[in-house]
PDB file of N, CA and C in Angstrom:
ATOM      1  N   UNK A   1     -13.311  -2.982  -2.305  1.00  0.00           N
ATOM      2  CA  UNK A   1     -13.314  -1.518  -3.176  1.00  0.00           C
ATOM      3  C   UNK A   1     -11.759  -0.743  -3.836  1.00  0.00           C
ATOM      4  N   UNK A   2     -12.269  -0.374  -4.390  1.00  0.00           N
ATOM      5  CA  UNK A   2     -11.468   0.146  -5.029  1.00  0.00           C
ATOM      6  C   UNK A   2     -10.915   1.647  -4.926  1.00  0.00           C
ATOM      7  N   UNK A   3     -10.047   1.899  -5.124  1.00  0.00           N
ATOM      8  CA  UNK A   3      -9.469   3.865  -4.675  1.00  0.00           C
ATOM      9  C   UNK A   3      -8.917   4.016  -5.796  1.00  0.00           C
ATOM     10  N   UNK A   4      -9.348   5.339  -5.818  1.00  0.00           N
ATOM     11  CA  UNK A   4      -8.865   6.170  -6.934  1.00  0.00           C
ATOM     12  C   UNK A   4      -7.706   6.775  -6.961  1.00  0.00           C
ATOM     13  N   UNK A   5      -6.335   6.437  -6.934  1.00  0.00           N
ATOM     14  CA  UNK A   5      -5.381   7.500  -7.284  1.00  0.00           C
ATOM     15  C   UNK A   5      -4.770   8.117  -8.181  1.00  0.00           C
ATOM     16  N   UNK A   6      -3.787   8.901  -7.629  1.00  0.00           N
ATOM     17  CA  UNK A   6      -3.819  10.346  -9.199  1.00  0.00           C
ATOM     18  C   UNK A   6      -3.214   9.950 -10.329  1.00  0.00           C
ATOM     19  N   UNK A   7      -3.258  10.354 -11.317  1.00  0.00           N
ATOM     20  CA  UNK A   7      -2.659  10.085 -12.752  1.00  0.00           C
ATOM     21  C   UNK A   7      -1.022   9.741 -12.304  1.00  0.00           C
ATOM     22  N   UNK A   8      -0.397  10.762 -11.983  1.00  0.00           N
ATOM     23  CA  UNK A   8       1.043   9.778 -11.998  1.00  0.00           C
ATOM     24  C   UNK A   8       2.060   9.662 -11.314  1.00  0.00           C
ATOM     25  N   UNK A   9       0.996   8.752  -9.808  1.00  0.00           N
ATOM     26  CA  UNK A   9       1.248   7.706  -9.037  1.00  0.00           C
ATOM     27  C   UNK A   9       0.851   6.321  -9.824  1.00  0.00           C
ATOM     28  N   UNK A  10      -0.395   6.600 -10.812  1.00  0.00           N
ATOM     29  CA  UNK A  10      -0.598   4.895 -11.241  1.00  0.00           C
ATOM     30  C   UNK A  10       0.436   4.864 -12.412  1.00  0.00           C
ATOM     31  N   UNK A  11       0.941   6.302 -13.053  1.00  0.00           N
ATOM     32  CA  UNK A  11       1.639   6.180 -14.343  1.00  0.00           C
ATOM     33  C   UNK A  11       2.927   5.427 -13.952  1.00  0.00           C
ATOM     34  N   UNK A  12       3.280   5.791 -12.825  1.00  0.00           N
ATOM     35  CA  UNK A  12       4.575   5.572 -11.733  1.00  0.00           C
ATOM     36  C   UNK A  12       4.726   3.852 -12.016  1.00  0.00           C
ATOM     37  N   UNK A  13       3.599   3.455 -11.435  1.00  0.00           N
ATOM     38  CA  UNK A  13       3.251   2.042 -10.870  1.00  0.00           C
ATOM     39  C   UNK A  13       3.306   1.423 -11.866  1.00  0.00           C
ATOM     40  N   UNK A  14       2.370   1.908 -13.676  1.00  0.00           N
ATOM     41  CA  UNK A  14       2.082   0.875 -14.856  1.00  0.00           C
ATOM     42  C   UNK A  14       3.585   0.728 -15.792  1.00  0.00           C
ATOM     43  N   UNK A  15       4.187   1.561 -15.114  1.00  0.00           N
ATOM     44  CA  UNK A  15       5.489   1.374 -16.044  1.00  0.00           C
ATOM     45  C   UNK A  15       5.935   2.729 -17.231  1.00  0.00           C
ATOM     46  N   UNK A  16       6.829   2.459 -18.137  1.00  0.00           N
ATOM     47  CA  UNK A  16       6.593   3.895 -19.381  1.00  0.00           C
ATOM     48  C   UNK A  16       5.929   3.433 -20.570  1.00  0.00           C
ATOM     49  N   UNK A  17       5.967   1.877 -21.054  1.00  0.00           N
ATOM     50  CA  UNK A  17       5.003   1.559 -21.586  1.00  0.00           C
ATOM     51  C   UNK A  17       3.708   1.392 -21.702  1.00  0.00           C
ATOM     52  N   UNK A  18       3.111   1.787 -20.843  1.00  0.00           N
ATOM     53  CA  UNK A  18       1.632   2.875 -20.537  1.00  0.00           C
ATOM     54  C   UNK A  18       1.076   3.133 -20.932  1.00  0.00           C
ATOM     55  N   UNK A  19       0.479   3.751 -21.623  1.00  0.00           N
ATOM     56  CA  UNK A  19      -0.379   5.073 -22.236  1.00  0.00           C
ATOM     57  C   UNK A  19      -2.064   4.724 -22.337  1.00  0.00           C
ATOM     58  N   UNK A  20      -2.824   6.186 -21.259  1.00  0.00           N
ATOM     59  CA  UNK A  20      -3.847   5.544 -21.574  1.00  0.00           C
ATOM     60  C   UNK A  20      -4.448   7.106 -22.472  1.00  0.00           C
ATOM     61  N   UNK A  21      -5.303   7.024 -23.271  1.00  0.00           N
ATOM     62  CA  UNK A  21      -6.027   8.170 -24.129  1.00  0.00           C
ATOM     63  C   UNK A  21      -6.253   9.221 -23.483  1.00  0.00           C
ATOM     64  N   UNK A  22      -6.782  10.254 -23.358  1.00  0.00           N
ATOM     65  CA  UNK A  22      -7.121  11.385 -22.777  1.00  0.00           C
ATOM     66  C   UNK A  22      -8.394  11.514 -23.176  1.00  0.00           C
ATOM     67  N   UNK A  23      -9.487  11.510 -22.070  1.00  0.00           N
ATOM     68  CA  UNK A  23     -11.028  11.932 -22.283  1.00  0.00           C
ATOM     69  C   UNK A  23     -11.335  12.420 -23.281  1.00  0.00           C
ATOM     70  N   UNK A  24     -12.409  12.090 -24.560  1.00  0.00           N
ATOM     71  CA  UNK A  24     -12.528  13.050 -25.585  1.00  0.00           C
ATOM     72  C   UNK A  24     -11.862  12.249 -27.338  1.00  0.00           C
ATOM     73  N   UNK A  25     -10.861  11.483 -26.210  1.00  0.00           N
ATOM     74  CA  UNK A  25     -10.269  10.952 -28.088  1.00  0.00           C
ATOM     75  C   UNK A  25     -10.958   9.751 -28.621  1.00  0.00           C
ATOM     76  N   UNK A  26     -10.610   9.989 -29.623  1.00  0.00           N
ATOM     77  CA  UNK A  26     -11.585   8.579 -30.812  1.00  0.00           C
ATOM     78  C   UNK A  26     -10.600   6.954 -30.443  1.00  0.00           C
ATOM     79  N   UNK A  27     -11.213   6.028 -30.267  1.00  0.00           N
ATOM     80  CA  UNK A  27     -10.180   4.705 -29.977  1.00  0.00           C
ATOM     81  C   UNK A  27     -10.855   3.785 -30.036  1.00  0.00           C
ATOM     82  N   UNK A  28     -10.561   2.637 -30.567  1.00  0.00           N
ATOM     83  CA  UNK A  28     -10.959   1.304 -31.395  1.00  0.00           C
ATOM     84  C   UNK A  28     -11.526   0.206 -30.384  1.00  0.00           C
ATOM     85  N   UNK A  29     -12.083  -0.285 -30.464  1.00  0.00           N
ATOM     86  CA  UNK A  29     -12.990  -0.955 -28.974  1.00  0.00           C
ATOM     87  C   UNK A  29     -12.555  -2.359 -29.922  1.00  0.00           C
ATOM     88  N   UNK A  30     -12.318  -3.547 -29.817  1.00  0.00           N
ATOM     89  CA  UNK A  30     -12.582  -4.552 -29.924  1.00  0.00           C
ATOM     90  C   UNK A  30     -13.284  -5.841 -29.478  1.00  0.00           C
ATOM     91  N   UNK A  31     -15.005  -5.904 -29.206  1.00  0.00           N
ATOM     92  CA  UNK A  31     -15.285  -6.890 -28.775  1.00  0.00           C
ATOM     93  C   UNK A  31     -14.403  -8.177 -28.323  1.00  0.00           C
ATOM     94  N   UNK A  32     -14.098  -8.797 -29.009  1.00  0.00           N
ATOM     95  CA  UNK A  32     -13.696 -10.341 -29.242  1.00  0.00           C
ATOM     96  C   UNK A  32     -12.422 -10.415 -28.162  1.00  0.00           C
ATOM     97  N   UNK A  33     -11.691  -9.017 -28.506  1.00  0.00           N
ATOM     98  CA  UNK A  33     -10.364  -9.128 -27.796  1.00  0.00           C
ATOM     99  C   UNK A  33     -10.748  -9.195 -26.254  1.00  0.00           C
ATOM    100  N   UNK A  34     -11.924  -8.361 -25.981  1.00  0.00           N
ATOM    101  CA  UNK A  34     -12.477  -7.853 -24.479  1.00  0.00           C
ATOM    102  C   UNK A  34     -13.056  -8.994 -23.863  1.00  0.00           C
ATOM    103  N   UNK A  35     -13.594  -9.939 -24.512  1.00  0.00           N
ATOM    104  CA  UNK A  35     -14.502 -11.111 -24.585  1.00  0.00           C
ATOM    105  C   UNK A  35     -12.965 -12.093 -24.163  1.00  0.00           C
ATOM    106  N   UNK A  36     -12.323 -11.862 -24.790  1.00  0.00           N
ATOM    107  CA  UNK A  36     -11.106 -13.200 -24.610  1.00  0.00           C
ATOM    108  C   UNK A  36     -10.343 -12.677 -23.451  1.00  0.00           C
ATOM    109  N   UNK A  37     -10.370 -11.151 -22.649  1.00  0.00           N
ATOM    110  CA  UNK A  37      -9.827 -11.290 -21.364  1.00  0.00           C
ATOM    111  C   UNK A  37     -10.110 -11.391 -20.733  1.00  0.00           C
ATOM    112  N   UNK A  38     -11.594 -10.788 -21.151  1.00  0.00           N
ATOM    113  CA  UNK A  38     -12.302 -11.398 -19.410  1.00  0.00           C
ATOM    114  C   UNK A  38     -12.614 -13.117 -19.218  1.00  0.00           C
ATOM    115  N   UNK A  39     -12.575 -14.095 -20.178  1.00  0.00           N
ATOM    116  CA  UNK A  39     -12.607 -15.227 -20.019  1.00  0.00           C
ATOM    117  C   UNK A  39     -11.269 -15.650 -19.211  1.00  0.00           C
ATOM    118  N   UNK A  40      -9.847 -14.634 -19.773  1.00  0.00           N
ATOM    119  CA  UNK A  40      -8.473 -15.151 -19.682  1.00  0.00           C
ATOM    120  C   UNK A  40      -8.366 -14.990 -17.784  1.00  0.00           C
ATOM    121  N   UNK A  41      -9.494 -13.873 -17.733  1.00  0.00           N
ATOM    122  CA  UNK A  41      -8.834 -13.122 -16.356  1.00  0.00           C
ATOM    123  C   UNK A  41     -10.091 -14.140 -15.256  1.00  0.00           C
ATOM    124  N   UNK A  42     -10.705 -14.929 -15.151  1.00  0.00           N
ATOM    125  CA  UNK A  42     -11.821 -15.086 -15.191  1.00  0.00           C
ATOM    126  C   UNK A  42     -11.499 -17.016 -15.046  1.00  0.00           C
ATOM    127  N   UNK A  43     -10.603 -17.287 -15.739  1.00  0.00           N
ATOM    128  CA  UNK A  43      -9.628 -18.573 -16.130  1.00  0.00           C
ATOM    129  C   UNK A  43     -10.759 -19.935 -16.671  1.00  0.00           C
ATOM    130  N   UNK A  44     -11.568 -19.305 -17.500  1.00  0.00           N
ATOM    131  CA  UNK A  44     -12.623 -19.635 -17.709  1.00  0.00           C
ATOM    132  C   UNK A  44     -11.727 -20.328 -19.363  1.00  0.00           C
ATOM    133  N   UNK A  45     -12.023 -21.393 -19.728  1.00  0.00           N
ATOM    134  CA  UNK A  45     -11.826 -21.876 -21.216  1.00  0.00           C
ATOM    135  C   UNK A  45     -12.265 -21.410 -22.159  1.00  0.00           C
ATOM    136  N   UNK A  46     -11.804 -21.466 -23.466  1.00  0.00           N
ATOM    137  CA  UNK A  46     -11.863 -20.961 -24.634  1.00  0.00           C
ATOM    138  C   UNK A  46     -13.350 -21.165 -24.634  1.00  0.00           C
ATOM    139  N   UNK A  47     -14.352 -22.228 -24.760  1.00  0.00           N
ATOM    140  CA  UNK A  47     -16.106 -22.774 -24.990  1.00  0.00           C
ATOM    141  C   UNK A  47     -16.699 -21.777 -24.552  1.00  0.00           C
ATOM    142  N   UNK A  48     -15.842 -21.070 -23.255  1.00  0.00           N
ATOM    143  CA  UNK A  48     -17.121 -20.074 -22.265  1.00  0.00           C
ATOM    144  C   UNK A  48     -16.747 -19.285 -22.397  1.00  0.00           C
ATOM    145  N   UNK A  49     -16.082 -18.315 -23.833  1.00  0.00           N
ATOM    146  CA  UNK A  49     -15.915 -17.269 -24.222  1.00  0.00           C
ATOM    147  C   UNK A  49     -17.001 -16.976 -25.188  1.00  0.00           C
ATOM    148  N   UNK A  50     -17.896 -15.669 -24.442  1.00  0.00           N
ATOM    149  CA  UNK A  50     -19.181 -15.311 -25.763  1.00  0.00           C
ATOM    150  C   UNK A  50     -18.859 -14.732 -26.636  1.00  0.00           C
ATOM    151  N   UNK A  51     -19.968 -15.285 -26.993  1.00  0.00           N
ATOM    152  CA  UNK A  51     -19.572 -14.877 -28.777  1.00  0.00           C
ATOM    153  C   UNK A  51     -20.785 -13.786 -29.245  1.00  0.00           C
ATOM    154  N   UNK A  52     -20.252 -12.468 -30.059  1.00  0.00           N
ATOM    155  CA  UNK A  52     -21.688 -11.815 -30.766  1.00  0.00           C
ATOM    156  C   UNK A  52     -21.600 -11.867 -31.913  1.00  0.00           C
ATOM    157  N   UNK A  53     -22.432 -13.113 -32.878  1.00  0.00           N
ATOM    158  CA  UNK A  53     -21.959 -12.710 -34.152  1.00  0.00           C
ATOM    159  C   UNK A  53     -22.809 -11.553 -34.590  1.00  0.00           C
ATOM    160  N   UNK A  54     -23.836 -10.812 -34.205  1.00  0.00           N
ATOM    161  CA  UNK A  54     -24.180  -9.683 -34.640  1.00  0.00           C
ATOM    162  C   UNK A  54     -23.313  -8.623 -34.696  1.00  0.00           C
ATOM    163  N   UNK A  55     -22.519  -8.421 -33.736  1.00  0.00           N
ATOM    164  CA  UNK A  55     -21.414  -6.767 -33.423  1.00  0.00           C
ATOM    165  C   UNK A  55     -20.534  -7.069 -34.094  1.00  0.00           C
ATOM    166  N   UNK A  56     -19.783  -6.092 -34.803  1.00  0.00           N
ATOM    167  CA  UNK A  56     -18.813  -5.551 -35.695  1.00  0.00           C
ATOM    168  C   UNK A  56     -17.717  -5.462 -35.211  1.00  0.00           C
ATOM    169  N   UNK A  57     -16.656  -6.369 -35.826  1.00  0.00           N
ATOM    170  CA  UNK A  57     -15.593  -6.825 -34.622  1.00  0.00           C
ATOM    171  C   UNK A  57     -14.645  -5.341 -34.307  1.00  0.00           C
ATOM    172  N   UNK A  58     -14.588  -4.636 -34.984  1.00  0.00           N
ATOM    173  CA  UNK A  58     -14.224  -3.260 -34.045  1.00  0.00           C
ATOM    174  C   UNK A  58     -15.023  -2.037 -34.443  1.00  0.00           C
ATOM    175  N   UNK A  59     -15.012  -1.536 -33.096  1.00  0.00           N
ATOM    176  CA  UNK A  59     -16.417  -0.044 -33.358  1.00  0.00           C
ATOM    177  C   UNK A  59     -15.202   1.232 -32.866  1.00  0.00           C
ATOM    178  N   UNK A  60     -15.772   1.994 -33.453  1.00  0.00           N
ATOM    179  CA  UNK A  60     -15.057   3.383 -33.286  1.00  0.00           C
ATOM    180  C   UNK A  60     -15.869   3.918 -32.049  1.00  0.00           C
ATOM    181  N   UNK A  61     -15.281   4.287 -31.209  1.00  0.00           N
ATOM    182  CA  UNK A  61     -15.667   5.009 -29.781  1.00  0.00           C
ATOM    183  C   UNK A  61     -15.194   6.439 -29.418  1.00  0.00           C
ATOM    184  N   UNK A  62     -15.422   7.605 -28.504  1.00  0.00           N
ATOM    185  CA  UNK A  62     -15.478   8.765 -28.092  1.00  0.00           C
ATOM    186  C   UNK A  62     -14.994   8.355 -26.487  1.00  0.00           C
ATOM    187  N   UNK A  63     -13.609   7.935 -26.167  1.00  0.00           N
ATOM    188  CA  UNK A  63     -13.418   7.927 -24.678  1.00  0.00           C
ATOM    189  C   UNK A  63     -14.227   8.966 -23.488  1.00  0.00           C
ATOM    190  N   UNK A  64     -14.640   8.637 -23.004  1.00  0.00           N
ATOM    191  CA  UNK A  64     -16.339   9.027 -22.350  1.00  0.00           C
ATOM    192  C   UNK A  64     -15.542   9.563 -20.675  1.00  0.00           C
ATOM    193  N   UNK A  65     -15.040   8.326 -19.816  1.00  0.00           N
ATOM    194  CA  UNK A  65     -13.838   8.690 -18.893  1.00  0.00           C
ATOM    195  C   UNK A  65     -13.380   7.709 -18.240  1.00  0.00           C
ATOM    196  N   UNK A  66     -12.224   7.974 -17.904  1.00  0.00           N
ATOM    197  CA  UNK A  66     -11.271   7.112 -17.067  1.00  0.00           C
ATOM    198  C   UNK A  66     -11.050   7.411 -15.640  1.00  0.00           C
ATOM    199  N   UNK A  67     -11.581   6.066 -14.942  1.00  0.00           N
ATOM    200  CA  UNK A  67     -11.099   6.214 -13.505  1.00  0.00           C
ATOM    201  C   UNK A  67      -9.595   4.530 -13.172  1.00  0.00           C
ATOM    202  N   UNK A  68      -8.556   5.636 -12.313  1.00  0.00           N
ATOM    203  CA  UNK A  68      -7.297   5.291 -12.801  1.00  0.00           C
ATOM    204  C   UNK A  68      -7.800   4.417 -10.852  1.00  0.00           C
ATOM    205  N   UNK A  69      -7.005   3.150 -10.549  1.00  0.00           N
ATOM    206  CA  UNK A  69      -7.317   2.780  -9.242  1.00  0.00           C
ATOM    207  C   UNK A  69      -6.206   2.185  -8.537  1.00  0.00           C
ATOM    208  N   UNK A  70      -5.934   1.931  -7.883  1.00  0.00           N
ATOM    209  CA  UNK A  70      -4.757   1.497  -7.105  1.00  0.00           C
ATOM    210  C   UNK A  70      -4.232   0.264  -7.218  1.00  0.00           C
ATOM    211  N   UNK A  71      -3.239  -0.648  -6.391  1.00  0.00           N
ATOM    212  CA  UNK A  71      -2.886  -1.887  -6.261  1.00  0.00           C
ATOM    213  C   UNK A  71      -4.343  -2.573  -5.685  1.00  0.00           C
ATOM    214  N   UNK A  72      -3.835  -3.972  -6.494  1.00  0.00           N
ATOM    215  CA  UNK A  72      -5.295  -4.640  -6.600  1.00  0.00           C
ATOM    216  C   UNK A  72      -5.050  -5.780  -5.296  1.00  0.00           C
ATOM    217  N   UNK A  73      -5.463  -7.228  -4.815  1.00  0.00           N
ATOM    218  CA  UNK A  73      -5.084  -7.822  -4.159  1.00  0.00           C
ATOM    219  C   UNK A  73      -3.527  -8.624  -4.764  1.00  0.00           C
ATOM    220  N   UNK A  74      -3.885  -8.840  -6.521  1.00  0.00           N
ATOM    221  CA  UNK A  74      -2.775  -9.140  -7.418  1.00  0.00           C
ATOM    222  C   UNK A  74      -1.386  -8.026  -7.505  1.00  0.00           C
ATOM    223  N   UNK A  75      -1.275  -7.295  -6.442  1.00  0.00           N
ATOM    224  CA  UNK A  75      -0.943  -6.061  -6.688  1.00  0.00           C
ATOM    225  C   UNK A  75      -0.595  -6.055  -8.151  1.00  0.00           C
ATOM    226  N   UNK A  76      -1.409  -5.317  -8.529  1.00  0.00           N
ATOM    227  CA  UNK A  76      -1.400  -4.544 -10.046  1.00  0.00           C
ATOM    228  C   UNK A  76      -2.454  -3.673 -10.425  1.00  0.00           C
ATOM    229  N   UNK A  77      -2.411  -2.308 -10.820  1.00  0.00           N
ATOM    230  CA  UNK A  77      -3.018  -0.911 -11.130  1.00  0.00           C
ATOM    231  C   UNK A  77      -3.307  -1.221 -12.426  1.00  0.00           C
ATOM    232  N   UNK A  78      -5.163  -0.800 -11.860  1.00  0.00           N
ATOM    233  CA  UNK A  78      -6.105  -0.787 -12.996  1.00  0.00           C
ATOM    234  C   UNK A  78      -6.616   0.534 -13.405  1.00  0.00           C
ATOM    235  N   UNK A  79      -7.062   0.823 -15.024  1.00  0.00           N
ATOM    236  CA  UNK A  79      -8.061   1.439 -15.401  1.00  0.00           C
ATOM    237  C   UNK A  79      -9.178   1.178 -15.978  1.00  0.00           C
ATOM    238  N   UNK A  80     -10.302   2.182 -15.673  1.00  0.00           N
ATOM    239  CA  UNK A  80     -11.433   1.601 -16.268  1.00  0.00           C
ATOM    240  C   UNK A  80     -11.497   2.938 -17.108  1.00  0.00           C
ATOM    241  N   UNK A  81     -11.988   2.304 -17.978  1.00  0.00           N
ATOM    242  CA  UNK A  81     -11.831   3.424 -19.472  1.00  0.00           C
ATOM    243  C   UNK A  81     -13.642   2.952 -19.410  1.00  0.00           C
ATOM    244  N   UNK A  82     -14.681   4.085 -19.843  1.00  0.00           N
ATOM    245  CA  UNK A  82     -15.854   4.270 -20.300  1.00  0.00           C
ATOM    246  C   UNK A  82     -15.502   5.176 -21.795  1.00  0.00           C
ATOM    247  N   UNK A  83     -16.563   4.263 -22.826  1.00  0.00           N
ATOM    248  CA  UNK A  83     -16.556   4.827 -24.211  1.00  0.00           C
ATOM    249  C   UNK A  83     -18.199   4.531 -24.766  1.00  0.00           C
ATOM    250  N   UNK A  84     -17.864   5.655 -25.836  1.00  0.00           N
ATOM    251  CA  UNK A  84     -19.015   5.707 -26.360  1.00  0.00           C
ATOM    252  C   UNK A  84     -19.332   5.418 -27.800  1.00  0.00           C
ATOM    253  N   UNK A  85     -19.856   4.666 -28.139  1.00  0.00           N
ATOM    254  CA  UNK A  85     -19.326   4.158 -29.604  1.00  0.00           C
ATOM    255  C   UNK A  85     -20.153   4.811 -30.506  1.00  0.00           C
ATOM    256  N   UNK A  86     -19.594   5.298 -31.448  1.00  0.00           N
ATOM    257  CA  UNK A  86     -19.867   6.200 -32.871  1.00  0.00           C
ATOM    258  C   UNK A  86     -20.041   5.303 -34.254  1.00  0.00           C
ATOM    259  N   UNK A  87     -19.753   3.841 -34.081  1.00  0.00           N
ATOM    260  CA  UNK A  87     -20.333   3.012 -34.984  1.00  0.00           C
ATOM    261  C   UNK A  87     -21.877   2.351 -35.020  1.00  0.00           C
TER     262      UNK A  87
END
């Protein structure tokens, strides 16, 4: 179960080089990079990375929601970001 924590505590744990844009910001989403990160976190080989040939290499999105969560079993804080595509 993931527990939300306040922003100040989350940023203190994440460190000074981490920044999350505010809700309503325009952001760029890179589907291929996301696929590679998912594969790496699941310890999958490059052959198992999903490919989406009809999807653009980047999508302009508006940040819709941000949820900051406490320490995981791997001792890291996580942030979940939801965005809506404009592209």
